[in-house]
Amino acid sequence: MKYSPWKFEETIVIDFLVEKKYRLLRHFLFLIFFFFMLYSARFWHSYSGIYQYYALFFVYTILIAMVYINIYVLVPRFFFRTKYITYLVLLVLMGVIGLNIIGTGFRSFFADFRIENVHRDSEKGGIYEGVLMCIPIILTTTTVKLLQKWISDNKRINELSNLTLNMELNALRNQINPHFLFNMLNNVKALIRTDPAKASVVIVKLSEFLRYQLYENSEEKTLLTSEIEFLSNFLNLEKIRRENFSFEVLTETDKRIVNTTFIPPNLFTTFVENAVKHSIDLNGEESYVKIDIRIENKQLYFMCINSRSAGYVADKQNSGLGLVNIIRRLELLYNDTFELQIESGDKEYIVNLKIPV
């Protein structure tokens, strides 16, 4: 996946704000930034010698304590629980208490070290200036906390959606597999009565199908070549069972592309199953299935054509299960990026599918 510079920078910023591995760095940078903001205020210049730095760190400690009480107590316990009025009242109360602690501290510990020629109003103005700096900081940290919660909740929702999606996909795939196996066992049942030798060949081939289901179908993606081989084997089995049946599997795309392309397993199986089932001719005439698979401009085109018999009547109760499931599976896998067209004529049934690869 390619990222634009803007999107890449946006991802870095979001990760920095949310990810736990950046937590210490976040707090360190915040403490440094807040310190330099307070350092630019004037109140601590009202004191002599080393005590001006004591005054600076005293105010810095009180204001930082207020910020962290807001972040870790007031916001999660009141704001996130929609107790907005309580949160606002406690925030104002915390501000009043913090301001009184600062005022009491200056009167009790730093009064003797105040520079005499500095006007008291100027000193108070400097203190209020420092406190007023704390207000946007508190609001900003509250906003960041909200953003963190929003991103975290969104991640959880996405993870839950993906989990639900995977569960539904697995359920659909597990429905398709027994459906396919059911048809194959019906074929073996018919052959046992008419041609036991052919039935033995089919059973051996069926074991290959089960191996494919066990080792390939459990994966999220499988090679396109494996899927094509699977379909060819299935059609070969049908040809063994039906003497008047022919099939053709075409792949005109460069073999290097076919051999390196991955698709979800059993994506075409249902269409081929239906093609084989609907191609049966009750009059014993020649029937066929033609499959064409090609890749152009990162799009895979699958076409399946089967002959139709005018007298054939499908089992309406069970025939739609596989098709409904595969359509739903395509919707879950590709959203609105796939195209499926089905043409049902008197002599041919045509399926055209386009998916991104």
Protein backbone atom coordinates (compact mmCIF):
# COMPACT_ATOMS: atom_id res chain seq x y z
CA MET A 1 0.00 0.00 0.00
CA LYS A 2 1.33 3.41 -0.97
CA TYR A 3 0.96 6.47 1.24
CA SER A 4 1.05 10.07 0.16
CA PRO A 5 3.45 12.32 2.19
CA TRP A 6 0.49 14.03 3.84
CA LYS A 7 -1.18 10.78 4.81
CA PHE A 8 2.13 9.39 6.06
CA GLU A 9 2.71 12.44 8.28
CA GLU A 10 -0.88 12.24 9.52
CA THR A 11 -0.32 8.60 10.49
CA ILE A 12 2.83 9.51 12.41
CA VAL A 13 1.01 12.25 14.34
CA ILE A 14 -1.91 9.96 15.23
CA ASP A 15 0.44 7.16 16.30
CA PHE A 16 2.41 9.61 18.44
CA LEU A 17 -0.78 10.79 20.17
CA VAL A 18 -2.24 7.32 20.75
CA GLU A 19 0.37 4.56 20.81
CA LYS A 20 1.61 3.47 24.25
CA LYS A 21 5.21 3.18 23.07
CA TYR A 22 5.32 6.99 22.69
CA ARG A 23 3.74 7.67 26.08
CA LEU A 24 6.92 8.67 27.94
CA LEU A 25 8.10 10.81 25.03
CA ARG A 26 4.69 12.53 24.87
CA HIS A 27 4.81 13.45 28.55
CA PHE A 28 8.44 14.52 28.38
CA LEU A 29 7.83 16.89 25.47
CA PHE A 30 4.69 18.24 27.12
CA LEU A 31 6.52 18.98 30.39
CA ILE A 32 9.33 20.74 28.52
CA PHE A 33 6.89 22.75 26.41
CA PHE A 34 4.83 23.78 29.45
CA PHE A 35 7.96 24.77 31.34
CA PHE A 36 9.14 27.11 28.59
CA MET A 37 5.68 28.65 28.38
CA LEU A 38 5.79 29.41 32.11
CA TYR A 39 9.39 30.53 31.82
CA SER A 40 8.25 33.32 29.48
CA ALA A 41 5.95 34.74 32.21
CA ARG A 42 7.12 37.67 34.40
CA PHE A 43 6.12 36.71 37.97
CA TRP A 44 9.28 34.84 38.91
CA HIS A 45 11.44 37.88 38.03
CA SER A 46 9.91 39.62 41.08
CA TYR A 47 12.20 37.65 43.41
CA SER A 48 15.89 37.88 44.07
CA GLY A 49 18.65 35.38 43.49
CA ILE A 50 17.97 31.68 43.48
CA TYR A 51 14.48 32.23 44.93
CA GLN A 52 13.12 33.42 41.62
CA TYR A 53 13.77 29.89 40.30
CA TYR A 54 12.19 28.40 43.41
CA ALA A 55 9.11 30.53 42.73
CA LEU A 56 9.09 29.41 39.08
CA PHE A 57 9.29 25.71 39.95
CA PHE A 58 6.71 26.12 42.75
CA VAL A 59 4.12 27.53 40.33
CA TYR A 60 5.17 25.04 37.65
CA THR A 61 4.60 22.11 40.05
CA ILE A 62 1.14 23.32 41.12
CA LEU A 63 -0.03 23.97 37.56
CA ILE A 64 1.35 20.65 36.28
CA ALA A 65 -0.46 18.89 39.13
CA MET A 66 -3.70 20.60 38.05
CA VAL A 67 -3.16 19.53 34.44
CA TYR A 68 -2.56 15.88 35.36
CA ILE A 69 -5.49 15.80 37.81
CA ASN A 70 -7.62 16.99 34.91
CA ILE A 71 -6.18 14.38 32.51
CA TYR A 72 -6.29 11.33 34.77
CA VAL A 73 -9.11 12.08 37.22
CA LEU A 74 -11.62 14.66 36.02
CA VAL A 75 -11.76 13.78 32.32
CA PRO A 76 -12.07 9.95 32.61
CA ARG A 77 -14.30 9.92 35.69
CA PHE A 78 -16.64 12.75 34.80
CA PHE A 79 -16.26 14.08 31.25
CA PHE A 80 -16.11 10.63 29.57
CA ARG A 81 -19.11 9.55 31.63
CA THR A 82 -21.11 12.54 30.29
CA LYS A 83 -21.18 14.30 33.69
CA TYR A 84 -20.34 17.59 32.02
CA ILE A 85 -21.70 19.98 34.64
CA THR A 86 -19.92 18.12 37.44
CA TYR A 87 -16.74 18.15 35.39
CA LEU A 88 -16.97 21.91 34.77
CA VAL A 89 -17.69 22.67 38.43
CA LEU A 90 -14.78 20.51 39.63
CA LEU A 91 -12.47 22.05 37.02
CA VAL A 92 -13.31 25.58 38.18
CA LEU A 93 -13.01 24.50 41.83
CA MET A 94 -9.60 22.96 41.12
CA GLY A 95 -8.52 26.22 39.48
CA VAL A 96 -9.62 28.29 42.50
CA ILE A 97 -7.89 25.94 44.95
CA GLY A 98 -4.73 25.89 42.84
CA LEU A 99 -4.66 29.69 42.62
CA ASN A 100 -5.12 29.99 46.40
CA ILE A 101 -2.31 27.50 47.03
CA ILE A 102 -0.03 29.56 44.79
CA GLY A 103 -1.05 32.78 46.54
CA THR A 104 -0.56 31.27 50.01
CA GLY A 105 2.82 29.87 49.00
CA PHE A 106 4.05 33.25 47.80
CA ARG A 107 2.90 34.97 50.99
CA SER A 108 4.34 32.31 53.29
CA PHE A 109 7.63 31.34 51.64
CA PHE A 110 8.66 33.98 49.13
CA ALA A 111 7.48 37.30 50.65
CA ASP A 112 10.87 37.99 52.26
CA PHE A 113 12.68 37.53 48.96
CA ARG A 114 10.56 39.80 46.81
CA ILE A 115 12.41 42.66 45.15
CA GLU A 116 11.21 45.85 46.85
CA ASN A 117 11.06 48.03 43.76
CA VAL A 118 8.74 45.64 41.93
CA HIS A 119 5.16 46.77 42.22
CA ARG A 120 2.77 44.28 43.85
CA ASP A 121 0.22 44.66 41.01
CA SER A 122 2.93 43.73 38.53
CA GLU A 123 3.70 40.63 40.59
CA LYS A 124 0.04 39.61 40.77
CA GLY A 125 -0.31 40.27 37.06
CA GLY A 126 2.60 37.93 36.40
CA ILE A 127 1.02 35.18 38.52
CA TYR A 128 -2.31 35.53 36.75
CA GLU A 129 -0.44 35.50 33.45
CA GLY A 130 1.07 32.14 34.41
CA VAL A 131 -2.32 30.80 35.51
CA LEU A 132 -3.99 32.01 32.32
CA MET A 133 -1.37 30.09 30.37
CA CYS A 134 -2.58 26.98 32.14
CA ILE A 135 -6.16 27.37 30.85
CA PRO A 136 -5.43 26.69 27.15
CA ILE A 137 -3.05 23.92 28.22
CA ILE A 138 -5.82 22.22 30.22
CA LEU A 139 -8.28 22.63 27.35
CA THR A 140 -5.71 21.27 24.90
CA THR A 141 -4.93 18.23 27.05
CA THR A 142 -8.66 17.56 27.43
CA THR A 143 -9.02 17.71 23.64
CA VAL A 144 -6.05 15.36 23.18
CA LYS A 145 -7.55 12.96 25.71
CA LEU A 146 -10.84 13.04 23.81
CA LEU A 147 -8.98 12.42 20.54
CA GLN A 148 -7.14 9.48 22.08
CA LYS A 149 -10.39 7.95 23.28
CA TRP A 150 -12.07 8.53 19.92
CA ILE A 151 -9.21 6.90 18.01
CA SER A 152 -9.03 4.02 20.50
CA ASP A 153 -12.80 3.43 20.26
CA ASN A 154 -12.62 3.56 16.47
CA LYS A 155 -9.84 0.97 16.48
CA ARG A 156 -11.91 -1.31 18.69
CA ILE A 157 -14.95 -0.87 16.44
CA ASN A 158 -12.83 -1.64 13.35
CA GLU A 159 -11.32 -4.70 15.00
CA LEU A 160 -14.79 -5.91 15.97
CA SER A 161 -16.05 -5.27 12.42
CA ASN A 162 -13.09 -7.19 10.97
CA LEU A 163 -13.68 -10.03 13.41
CA THR A 164 -17.37 -10.15 12.47
CA LEU A 165 -16.44 -9.96 8.79
CA ASN A 166 -13.98 -12.85 9.08
CA MET A 167 -16.50 -14.93 11.02
CA GLU A 168 -19.13 -14.35 8.33
CA LEU A 169 -16.64 -15.11 5.54
CA ASN A 170 -15.61 -18.34 7.25
CA ALA A 171 -19.24 -19.28 7.77
CA LEU A 172 -20.00 -18.68 4.09
CA ARG A 173 -16.92 -20.62 2.98
CA ASN A 174 -17.81 -23.51 5.27
CA GLN A 175 -21.29 -23.55 3.75
CA ILE A 176 -19.87 -23.69 0.23
CA ASN A 177 -17.56 -26.63 0.99
CA PRO A 178 -20.26 -29.09 2.18
CA HIS A 179 -22.43 -27.94 -0.72
CA PHE A 180 -19.65 -28.87 -3.16
CA LEU A 181 -18.92 -32.15 -1.36
CA PHE A 182 -22.62 -33.03 -1.38
CA ASN A 183 -22.71 -32.78 -5.18
CA MET A 184 -19.52 -34.85 -5.52
CA LEU A 185 -20.90 -37.64 -3.30
CA ASN A 186 -24.06 -37.71 -5.37
CA ASN A 187 -21.87 -38.24 -8.44
CA VAL A 188 -20.04 -41.14 -6.74
CA LYS A 189 -23.36 -42.66 -5.69
CA ALA A 190 -24.61 -42.63 -9.26
CA LEU A 191 -21.37 -44.14 -10.59
CA ILE A 192 -21.30 -46.97 -8.05
CA ARG A 193 -24.54 -48.26 -9.55
CA THR A 194 -23.63 -47.79 -13.20
CA ASP A 195 -19.82 -48.11 -13.40
CA PRO A 196 -17.96 -49.24 -10.24
CA ALA A 197 -14.55 -48.91 -11.96
CA LYS A 198 -15.16 -45.26 -12.72
CA ALA A 199 -16.48 -44.80 -9.21
CA SER A 200 -13.11 -45.97 -7.85
CA VAL A 201 -11.30 -43.40 -10.00
CA VAL A 202 -13.66 -40.69 -8.79
CA ILE A 203 -13.05 -41.64 -5.14
CA VAL A 204 -9.28 -41.30 -5.66
CA LYS A 205 -9.80 -37.92 -7.28
CA LEU A 206 -12.13 -36.95 -4.47
CA SER A 207 -9.34 -37.56 -1.97
CA GLU A 208 -7.30 -34.96 -3.89
CA PHE A 209 -10.18 -32.52 -3.50
CA LEU A 210 -10.28 -33.12 0.23
CA ARG A 211 -6.52 -32.52 0.41
CA TYR A 212 -7.02 -29.21 -1.37
CA GLN A 213 -9.82 -28.30 1.03
CA LEU A 214 -7.67 -29.19 4.02
CA TYR A 215 -4.43 -27.43 3.06
CA GLU A 216 -5.45 -24.69 0.61
CA ASN A 217 -8.97 -23.67 1.53
CA SER A 218 -8.03 -22.91 5.15
CA GLU A 219 -5.73 -20.13 3.98
CA GLU A 220 -6.92 -16.59 3.40
CA LYS A 221 -5.44 -16.58 -0.12
CA THR A 222 -4.35 -19.29 -2.52
CA LEU A 223 -2.47 -19.21 -5.82
CA LEU A 224 -4.58 -18.73 -8.91
CA THR A 225 -2.82 -21.72 -10.48
CA SER A 226 -4.00 -23.96 -7.62
CA GLU A 227 -7.56 -22.77 -8.09
CA ILE A 228 -7.40 -23.41 -11.85
CA GLU A 229 -5.99 -26.90 -11.26
CA PHE A 230 -8.76 -27.56 -8.75
CA LEU A 231 -11.45 -26.55 -11.28
CA SER A 232 -9.80 -28.63 -14.03
CA ASN A 233 -9.78 -31.71 -11.79
CA PHE A 234 -13.42 -31.16 -10.94
CA LEU A 235 -14.36 -30.91 -14.62
CA ASN A 236 -12.26 -34.00 -15.38
CA LEU A 237 -14.28 -35.91 -12.79
CA GLU A 238 -17.47 -34.83 -14.47
CA LYS A 239 -16.11 -35.93 -17.82
CA ILE A 240 -15.40 -39.39 -16.37
CA ARG A 241 -18.99 -39.59 -15.18
CA ARG A 242 -20.58 -38.25 -18.37
CA GLU A 243 -19.43 -39.45 -21.78
CA ASN A 244 -21.21 -36.68 -23.66
CA PHE A 245 -19.57 -33.90 -21.65
CA SER A 246 -16.66 -31.68 -22.74
CA PHE A 247 -14.92 -28.75 -21.12
CA GLU A 248 -12.31 -26.12 -21.82
CA VAL A 249 -10.24 -24.02 -19.40
CA LEU A 250 -8.41 -21.10 -21.05
CA THR A 251 -5.82 -18.87 -19.41
CA GLU A 252 -4.32 -16.56 -22.01
CA THR A 253 -2.50 -14.41 -19.42
CA ASP A 254 1.28 -14.65 -19.05
CA LYS A 255 2.10 -17.69 -16.87
CA ARG A 256 4.41 -15.59 -14.67
CA ILE A 257 1.47 -13.39 -13.73
CA VAL A 258 -0.85 -16.36 -13.17
CA ASN A 259 1.76 -18.12 -11.02
CA THR A 260 2.20 -15.09 -8.77
CA THR A 261 -1.44 -14.05 -8.39
CA PHE A 262 -3.32 -14.88 -5.18
CA ILE A 263 -7.09 -15.03 -4.77
CA PRO A 264 -9.45 -16.23 -2.00
CA PRO A 265 -9.86 -20.02 -2.24
CA ASN A 266 -12.94 -21.58 -3.86
CA LEU A 267 -13.95 -18.25 -5.36
CA PHE A 268 -15.06 -19.79 -8.66
CA THR A 269 -16.12 -23.23 -7.46
CA THR A 270 -19.81 -22.42 -7.05
CA PHE A 271 -20.07 -20.96 -10.54
CA VAL A 272 -18.44 -24.05 -12.06
CA GLU A 273 -20.62 -26.36 -9.97
CA ASN A 274 -23.73 -24.62 -11.23
CA ALA A 275 -22.39 -24.72 -14.80
CA VAL A 276 -21.84 -28.48 -14.60
CA LYS A 277 -25.23 -29.07 -13.01
CA HIS A 278 -27.16 -26.94 -15.51
CA SER A 279 -25.27 -28.32 -18.52
CA ILE A 280 -26.83 -31.76 -18.14
CA ASP A 281 -28.80 -32.69 -21.26
CA LEU A 282 -31.71 -35.04 -20.66
CA ASN A 283 -31.69 -36.11 -24.30
CA GLY A 284 -28.12 -37.35 -24.09
CA GLU A 285 -26.79 -34.72 -26.48
CA GLU A 286 -23.36 -33.10 -26.19
CA SER A 287 -23.01 -30.66 -23.31
CA TYR A 288 -20.12 -28.39 -22.44
CA VAL A 289 -18.56 -25.95 -19.96
CA LYS A 290 -16.09 -23.27 -21.07
CA ILE A 291 -14.00 -21.26 -18.64
CA ASP A 292 -11.85 -18.26 -19.54
CA ILE A 293 -9.59 -16.59 -16.97
CA ARG A 294 -7.41 -13.58 -17.78
CA ILE A 295 -5.73 -10.72 -15.97
CA GLU A 296 -5.55 -7.20 -17.38
CA ASN A 297 -4.60 -3.95 -15.60
CA LYS A 298 -4.69 -5.59 -12.15
CA GLN A 299 -8.21 -6.88 -12.81
CA LEU A 300 -9.06 -10.58 -13.02
CA TYR A 301 -11.77 -11.53 -15.51
CA PHE A 302 -13.53 -14.85 -15.03
CA MET A 303 -16.05 -16.10 -17.58
CA CYS A 304 -17.92 -19.38 -17.32
CA ILE A 305 -20.25 -20.57 -20.10
CA ASN A 306 -22.31 -23.73 -19.99
CA SER A 307 -24.76 -25.30 -22.39
CA ARG A 308 -28.37 -25.58 -21.34
CA SER A 309 -31.01 -28.17 -22.00
CA ALA A 310 -34.51 -26.91 -22.65
CA GLY A 311 -36.01 -29.75 -20.66
CA TYR A 312 -33.76 -29.42 -17.60
CA VAL A 313 -35.48 -28.29 -14.40
CA ALA A 314 -33.29 -27.16 -11.53
CA ASP A 315 -33.90 -28.02 -7.91
CA LYS A 316 -35.22 -24.63 -6.79
CA GLN A 317 -35.10 -25.55 -3.11
CA ASN A 318 -31.32 -26.16 -3.01
CA SER A 319 -29.83 -24.73 -6.19
CA GLY A 320 -29.73 -21.12 -5.01
CA LEU A 321 -27.79 -21.70 -1.78
CA GLY A 322 -24.29 -21.70 -3.27
CA LEU A 323 -24.91 -18.70 -5.54
CA VAL A 324 -26.38 -16.59 -2.76
CA ASN A 325 -23.43 -17.42 -0.52
CA ILE A 326 -20.79 -16.61 -3.15
CA ILE A 327 -22.43 -13.28 -3.97
CA ARG A 328 -22.44 -12.37 -0.28
CA ARG A 329 -18.83 -13.50 -0.01
CA LEU A 330 -17.86 -11.28 -2.96
CA GLU A 331 -19.59 -8.33 -1.28
CA LEU A 332 -17.65 -8.90 1.94
CA LEU A 333 -14.33 -9.42 0.18
CA TYR A 334 -14.47 -6.68 -2.42
CA ASN A 335 -17.25 -4.34 -1.31
CA ASP A 336 -18.23 -2.42 -4.48
CA THR A 337 -15.01 -3.13 -6.44
CA PHE A 338 -16.27 -6.32 -8.11
CA GLU A 339 -18.64 -6.74 -11.04
CA LEU A 340 -20.84 -9.79 -11.55
CA GLN A 341 -23.08 -10.29 -14.58
CA ILE A 342 -25.18 -13.40 -15.18
CA GLU A 343 -26.93 -14.02 -18.50
CA SER A 344 -29.44 -16.85 -18.62
CA GLY A 345 -30.37 -17.76 -22.18
CA ASP A 346 -32.23 -20.66 -23.72
CA LYS A 347 -29.07 -22.41 -24.90
CA GLU A 348 -26.30 -20.97 -22.73
CA TYR A 349 -25.79 -19.73 -19.19
CA ILE A 350 -22.98 -17.14 -18.93
CA VAL A 351 -21.26 -15.81 -15.81
CA ASN A 352 -18.90 -12.80 -16.06
CA LEU A 353 -16.98 -11.80 -12.95
CA LYS A 354 -14.39 -9.05 -12.55
CA ILE A 355 -12.36 -8.65 -9.35
CA PRO A 356 -9.26 -6.63 -8.42
CA VAL A 357 -6.02 -8.55 -7.85
